[in-house]
Amino acid sequence: MMRLTPLLCSIACSALLLGCGGGASDDNKVPVFPVTGTVTMNGSGLAGATVAFAPQGDQPTAIATTDDNGNFTLRTYDADDGAAEGKYKVVVTKSEVTGEISDADAEHEAVTKGEPVASEHAAAGAGGTKQLVPAAYTSSDTTPLEADVKSSGDNTFDFKIE
């Protein structure tokens, strides 16, 4: 038992030095500017969609969830604070639960219980959801949507999903 004490002490000290957080300290935060907009699909606002501004430079990612009318206000560090200046690819996702019990759900339950999992669906991420936004808009590699956030002026962006 005495041999474990130096190891445990070393682990505890490492944890203290590294810290538990993950958020940026105030010193590391870049300035952000208010960004709002609307996402429409099939002629109406897309409610409950996730909007992510994927940076094309060194700025942090900004995200939002659309309201019932498809309107959004981005956040980077705090609620509704906006996005850093720069160019972004804009990713939009929205999914619905299909109601089917999937292999992924069964695998999650098995993992939770500590049981082994062996399924082709585990690697594929298959599950009981259906993506409602066309695939091209759900990846920063393929989305045609772009935004250029400025440090001054109006940063309102309206995106039409086709």
Protein backbone atom coordinates (compact mmCIF):
# COMPACT_ATOMS: atom_id res chain seq x y z
CA MET A 1 0.00 0.00 0.00
CA MET A 2 2.89 2.36 0.74
CA ARG A 3 4.12 2.05 -2.86
CA LEU A 4 0.87 3.49 -4.24
CA THR A 5 1.12 6.67 -2.16
CA PRO A 6 3.79 8.36 -4.36
CA LEU A 7 1.83 7.38 -7.48
CA LEU A 8 -1.43 8.75 -6.11
CA CYS A 9 0.30 11.92 -4.95
CA SER A 10 1.84 12.35 -8.39
CA ILE A 11 -1.55 11.94 -10.09
CA ALA A 12 -3.20 14.39 -7.70
CA CYS A 13 -0.48 16.99 -8.22
CA SER A 14 -0.73 16.62 -11.99
CA ALA A 15 -4.49 17.15 -11.83
CA LEU A 16 -4.01 20.30 -9.78
CA LEU A 17 -1.41 21.68 -12.19
CA LEU A 18 -3.51 20.94 -15.27
CA GLY A 19 -6.75 22.16 -13.76
CA CYS A 20 -10.24 20.86 -14.31
CA GLY A 21 -11.65 23.46 -16.65
CA GLY A 22 -11.78 23.67 -20.38
CA GLY A 23 -13.05 27.17 -20.98
CA ALA A 24 -10.89 29.99 -22.19
CA SER A 25 -9.63 32.37 -19.55
CA ASP A 26 -10.46 36.05 -20.01
CA ASP A 27 -6.86 36.60 -21.16
CA ASN A 28 -7.30 34.10 -24.00
CA LYS A 29 -10.68 35.31 -25.23
CA VAL A 30 -10.75 37.13 -28.53
CA PRO A 31 -13.27 39.97 -28.88
CA VAL A 32 -16.68 38.93 -30.18
CA PHE A 33 -19.37 40.98 -31.90
CA PRO A 34 -23.17 40.50 -31.96
CA VAL A 35 -24.32 38.18 -34.75
CA THR A 36 -27.94 37.39 -35.56
CA GLY A 37 -29.79 35.88 -38.47
CA THR A 38 -32.47 33.59 -39.80
CA VAL A 39 -32.43 30.12 -41.33
CA THR A 40 -35.22 29.23 -43.74
CA MET A 41 -36.03 25.97 -45.48
CA ASN A 42 -38.92 25.32 -47.87
CA GLY A 43 -39.98 28.96 -47.54
CA SER A 44 -40.34 29.14 -43.75
CA GLY A 45 -38.17 29.55 -40.67
CA LEU A 46 -36.34 26.38 -39.61
CA ALA A 47 -37.16 25.97 -35.91
CA GLY A 48 -34.88 24.06 -33.54
CA ALA A 49 -31.90 23.87 -35.88
CA THR A 50 -28.30 24.13 -34.71
CA VAL A 51 -26.28 26.80 -36.50
CA ALA A 52 -22.50 26.59 -36.22
CA PHE A 53 -20.06 29.15 -37.59
CA ALA A 54 -16.97 27.03 -38.39
CA PRO A 55 -13.90 29.31 -38.48
CA GLN A 56 -11.76 29.63 -41.58
CA GLY A 57 -8.99 31.20 -39.49
CA ASP A 58 -7.84 31.18 -35.88
CA GLN A 59 -11.08 32.45 -34.36
CA PRO A 60 -13.23 30.21 -32.10
CA THR A 61 -16.39 28.43 -33.24
CA ALA A 62 -19.72 30.15 -32.53
CA ILE A 63 -23.05 28.33 -32.22
CA ALA A 64 -26.77 28.94 -31.80
CA THR A 65 -30.13 27.20 -31.86
CA THR A 66 -32.89 28.70 -33.96
CA ASP A 67 -36.17 29.77 -32.37
CA ASP A 68 -39.67 28.92 -33.64
CA ASN A 69 -39.26 31.40 -36.53
CA GLY A 70 -35.77 30.28 -37.55
CA ASN A 71 -34.05 33.26 -35.89
CA PHE A 72 -30.72 32.83 -34.11
CA THR A 73 -28.22 34.78 -32.01
CA LEU A 74 -24.70 33.35 -31.90
CA ARG A 75 -22.70 32.57 -28.79
CA THR A 76 -18.98 31.99 -28.43
CA TYR A 77 -18.25 32.31 -24.72
CA ASP A 78 -21.51 33.44 -23.13
CA ALA A 79 -25.17 33.46 -24.16
CA ASP A 80 -25.82 35.71 -27.16
CA ASP A 81 -22.35 37.30 -27.09
CA GLY A 82 -21.73 36.82 -30.83
CA ALA A 83 -18.75 35.68 -32.88
CA ALA A 84 -15.16 36.77 -33.44
CA GLU A 85 -14.27 38.79 -36.52
CA GLY A 86 -13.41 36.64 -39.53
CA LYS A 87 -14.64 34.34 -42.26
CA TYR A 88 -16.73 31.26 -41.46
CA LYS A 89 -18.35 28.30 -43.18
CA VAL A 90 -21.87 27.95 -41.79
CA VAL A 91 -23.16 24.50 -40.85
CA VAL A 92 -26.85 23.85 -40.15
CA THR A 93 -28.20 20.65 -38.65
CA LYS A 94 -31.56 19.48 -37.39
CA SER A 95 -32.63 15.96 -36.64
CA GLU A 96 -35.69 14.23 -35.35
CA VAL A 97 -36.05 11.08 -33.32
CA THR A 98 -37.51 8.32 -35.45
CA GLY A 99 -38.97 6.48 -32.48
CA GLU A 100 -37.21 3.27 -33.41
CA ILE A 101 -34.98 1.51 -30.91
CA SER A 102 -31.72 1.33 -32.74
CA ASP A 103 -28.64 -0.81 -32.37
CA ALA A 104 -26.88 2.33 -31.14
CA ASP A 105 -29.40 2.67 -28.30
CA ALA A 106 -28.88 -0.97 -27.34
CA GLU A 107 -25.11 -0.47 -27.51
CA HIS A 108 -25.31 2.60 -25.28
CA GLU A 109 -27.28 0.61 -22.72
CA ALA A 110 -24.75 -2.23 -22.88
CA VAL A 111 -21.83 0.16 -22.38
CA THR A 112 -23.64 1.78 -19.45
CA LYS A 113 -23.99 -1.65 -17.86
CA GLY A 114 -20.35 -2.49 -18.58
CA GLU A 115 -21.19 -5.19 -21.12
CA PRO A 116 -19.12 -5.75 -24.29
CA VAL A 117 -20.40 -4.30 -27.55
CA ALA A 118 -19.81 -5.74 -31.01
CA SER A 119 -21.83 -4.22 -33.83
CA GLU A 120 -21.19 -2.70 -37.22
CA HIS A 121 -23.47 0.16 -36.17
CA ALA A 122 -21.16 1.25 -33.34
CA ALA A 123 -18.55 2.61 -35.73
CA ALA A 124 -21.08 4.05 -38.15
CA GLY A 125 -22.95 5.97 -35.46
CA ALA A 126 -26.32 4.66 -36.63
CA GLY A 127 -29.19 5.56 -34.36
CA GLY A 128 -32.81 6.45 -34.01
CA THR A 129 -32.54 9.92 -35.58
CA LYS A 130 -33.13 11.33 -39.03
CA GLN A 131 -31.32 14.40 -40.38
CA LEU A 132 -33.86 16.94 -41.69
CA VAL A 133 -31.37 19.26 -43.38
CA PRO A 134 -29.78 18.22 -46.71
CA ALA A 135 -26.38 16.62 -46.11
CA ALA A 136 -24.43 19.33 -47.96
CA TYR A 137 -25.31 21.86 -45.23
CA THR A 138 -24.27 19.62 -42.32
CA SER A 139 -20.49 19.69 -42.85
CA SER A 140 -18.03 22.57 -43.02
CA ASP A 141 -16.36 20.76 -45.93
CA THR A 142 -19.47 20.82 -48.13
CA THR A 143 -21.73 23.66 -46.98
CA PRO A 144 -22.29 26.43 -49.51
CA LEU A 145 -23.14 28.84 -46.68
CA GLU A 146 -20.54 31.42 -45.67
CA ALA A 147 -20.37 34.45 -43.39
CA ASP A 148 -17.85 37.23 -42.83
CA VAL A 149 -18.20 38.70 -39.31
CA LYS A 150 -17.03 42.31 -39.02
CA SER A 151 -15.89 44.18 -35.92
CA SER A 152 -18.25 47.04 -36.78
CA GLY A 153 -21.50 47.35 -38.67
CA ASP A 154 -24.38 44.96 -39.08
CA ASN A 155 -23.66 41.26 -38.63
CA THR A 156 -27.05 39.89 -39.65
CA PHE A 157 -26.99 36.80 -41.85
CA ASP A 158 -29.96 35.10 -43.48
CA PHE A 159 -29.46 31.61 -44.83
CA LYS A 160 -31.74 29.74 -47.20
CA ILE A 161 -31.54 25.93 -47.16
CA GLU A 162 -32.49 24.53 -50.56
